[in-house]
Amino acid sequence: MTAPSERGSWQQTLRMVAWSLIGIRNGARHREDQRSVGIVPLMFTALGAVFVFVLALMALVHWIA
């Protein structure tokens, strides 16, 4: 297990989630991120990103309709 100082930053976690949501990611870089990012921060960041995405879609539909 890596030390907390060696763990990935929140920005790295957010970047990993963003690239995963749009579906393009370099395999080597993805494996590197998987080793350095913790699962719990990754889950919360992914859930937050999906929540923001859904809210943005709802706002767009409300604005158009």
C-alpha atoms as a PDB file:
ATOM      1  CA  MET A   1       0.000   0.000   0.000  1.00  0.00           C
ATOM      2  CA  THR A   2       1.304   3.450  -0.843  1.00  0.00           C
ATOM      3  CA  ALA A   3       1.771   6.236   1.677  1.00  0.00           C
ATOM      4  CA  PRO A   4      -0.829   9.036   1.742  1.00  0.00           C
ATOM      5  CA  SER A   5       1.685  11.495   0.285  1.00  0.00           C
ATOM      6  CA  GLU A   6       2.164   9.194  -2.714  1.00  0.00           C
ATOM      7  CA  ARG A   7      -1.557   8.936  -3.398  1.00  0.00           C
ATOM      8  CA  GLY A   8      -3.021  10.745  -6.378  1.00  0.00           C
ATOM      9  CA  SER A   9      -4.349  14.242  -5.974  1.00  0.00           C
ATOM     10  CA  TRP A  10      -7.977  15.228  -6.262  1.00  0.00           C
ATOM     11  CA  GLN A  11      -7.197  16.840  -9.624  1.00  0.00           C
ATOM     12  CA  GLN A  12      -5.745  13.574 -10.902  1.00  0.00           C
ATOM     13  CA  THR A  13      -8.867  11.742  -9.732  1.00  0.00           C
ATOM     14  CA  LEU A  14     -11.129  14.288 -11.422  1.00  0.00           C
ATOM     15  CA  ARG A  15      -9.128  14.073 -14.655  1.00  0.00           C
ATOM     16  CA  MET A  16      -9.354  10.270 -14.572  1.00  0.00           C
ATOM     17  CA  VAL A  17     -13.132  10.388 -14.089  1.00  0.00           C
ATOM     18  CA  ALA A  18     -13.601  13.002 -16.829  1.00  0.00           C
ATOM     19  CA  TRP A  19     -11.628  10.987 -19.380  1.00  0.00           C
ATOM     20  CA  SER A  20     -13.523   7.853 -18.412  1.00  0.00           C
ATOM     21  CA  LEU A  21     -16.904   9.549 -18.803  1.00  0.00           C
ATOM     22  CA  ILE A  22     -16.191  10.586 -22.378  1.00  0.00           C
ATOM     23  CA  GLY A  23     -14.730   7.175 -23.162  1.00  0.00           C
ATOM     24  CA  ILE A  24     -11.227   7.954 -24.380  1.00  0.00           C
ATOM     25  CA  ARG A  25      -8.208   7.047 -22.324  1.00  0.00           C
ATOM     26  CA  ASN A  26      -4.690   5.883 -23.083  1.00  0.00           C
ATOM     27  CA  GLY A  27      -4.228   2.372 -21.663  1.00  0.00           C
ATOM     28  CA  ALA A  28      -0.808   2.971 -20.109  1.00  0.00           C
ATOM     29  CA  ARG A  29      -1.863   6.254 -18.489  1.00  0.00           C
ATOM     30  CA  HIS A  30      -5.076   4.635 -17.226  1.00  0.00           C
ATOM     31  CA  ARG A  31      -3.140   1.839 -15.506  1.00  0.00           C
ATOM     32  CA  GLU A  32      -0.791   4.406 -13.962  1.00  0.00           C
ATOM     33  CA  ASP A  33      -3.752   6.372 -12.588  1.00  0.00           C
ATOM     34  CA  GLN A  34      -5.373   3.206 -11.233  1.00  0.00           C
ATOM     35  CA  ARG A  35      -2.289   2.510  -9.140  1.00  0.00           C
ATOM     36  CA  SER A  36      -2.101   6.012  -7.689  1.00  0.00           C
ATOM     37  CA  VAL A  37      -5.782   6.866  -7.097  1.00  0.00           C
ATOM     38  CA  GLY A  38      -7.696   5.459  -4.136  1.00  0.00           C
ATOM     39  CA  ILE A  39     -11.005   3.687  -4.727  1.00  0.00           C
ATOM     40  CA  VAL A  40     -13.067   5.702  -2.223  1.00  0.00           C
ATOM     41  CA  PRO A  41     -12.130   9.162  -3.594  1.00  0.00           C
ATOM     42  CA  LEU A  42     -12.627   7.773  -7.087  1.00  0.00           C
ATOM     43  CA  MET A  43     -16.154   6.564  -6.282  1.00  0.00           C
ATOM     44  CA  PHE A  44     -17.187   9.869  -4.696  1.00  0.00           C
ATOM     45  CA  THR A  45     -15.684  11.901  -7.530  1.00  0.00           C
ATOM     46  CA  ALA A  46     -17.418   9.735 -10.147  1.00  0.00           C
ATOM     47  CA  LEU A  47     -20.774   9.984  -8.372  1.00  0.00           C
ATOM     48  CA  GLY A  48     -20.382  13.759  -8.081  1.00  0.00           C
ATOM     49  CA  ALA A  49     -19.455  14.087 -11.754  1.00  0.00           C
ATOM     50  CA  VAL A  50     -22.457  12.031 -12.854  1.00  0.00           C
ATOM     51  CA  PHE A  51     -24.720  14.095 -10.578  1.00  0.00           C
ATOM     52  CA  VAL A  52     -23.431  17.361 -12.073  1.00  0.00           C
ATOM     53  CA  PHE A  53     -23.815  15.933 -15.587  1.00  0.00           C
ATOM     54  CA  VAL A  54     -27.447  14.947 -14.934  1.00  0.00           C
ATOM     55  CA  LEU A  55     -28.200  18.376 -13.445  1.00  0.00           C
ATOM     56  CA  ALA A  56     -26.669  20.037 -16.503  1.00  0.00           C
ATOM     57  CA  LEU A  57     -28.817  17.916 -18.818  1.00  0.00           C
ATOM     58  CA  MET A  58     -31.934  18.728 -16.805  1.00  0.00           C
ATOM     59  CA  ALA A  59     -31.108  22.454 -16.949  1.00  0.00           C
ATOM     60  CA  LEU A  60     -30.557  22.238 -20.695  1.00  0.00           C
ATOM     61  CA  VAL A  61     -33.904  20.513 -21.256  1.00  0.00           C
ATOM     62  CA  HIS A  62     -35.658  23.033 -19.020  1.00  0.00           C
ATOM     63  CA  TRP A  63     -34.018  25.907 -20.908  1.00  0.00           C
ATOM     64  CA  ILE A  64     -34.993  24.480 -24.322  1.00  0.00           C
ATOM     65  CA  ALA A  65     -38.556  23.420 -23.430  1.00  0.00           C
END
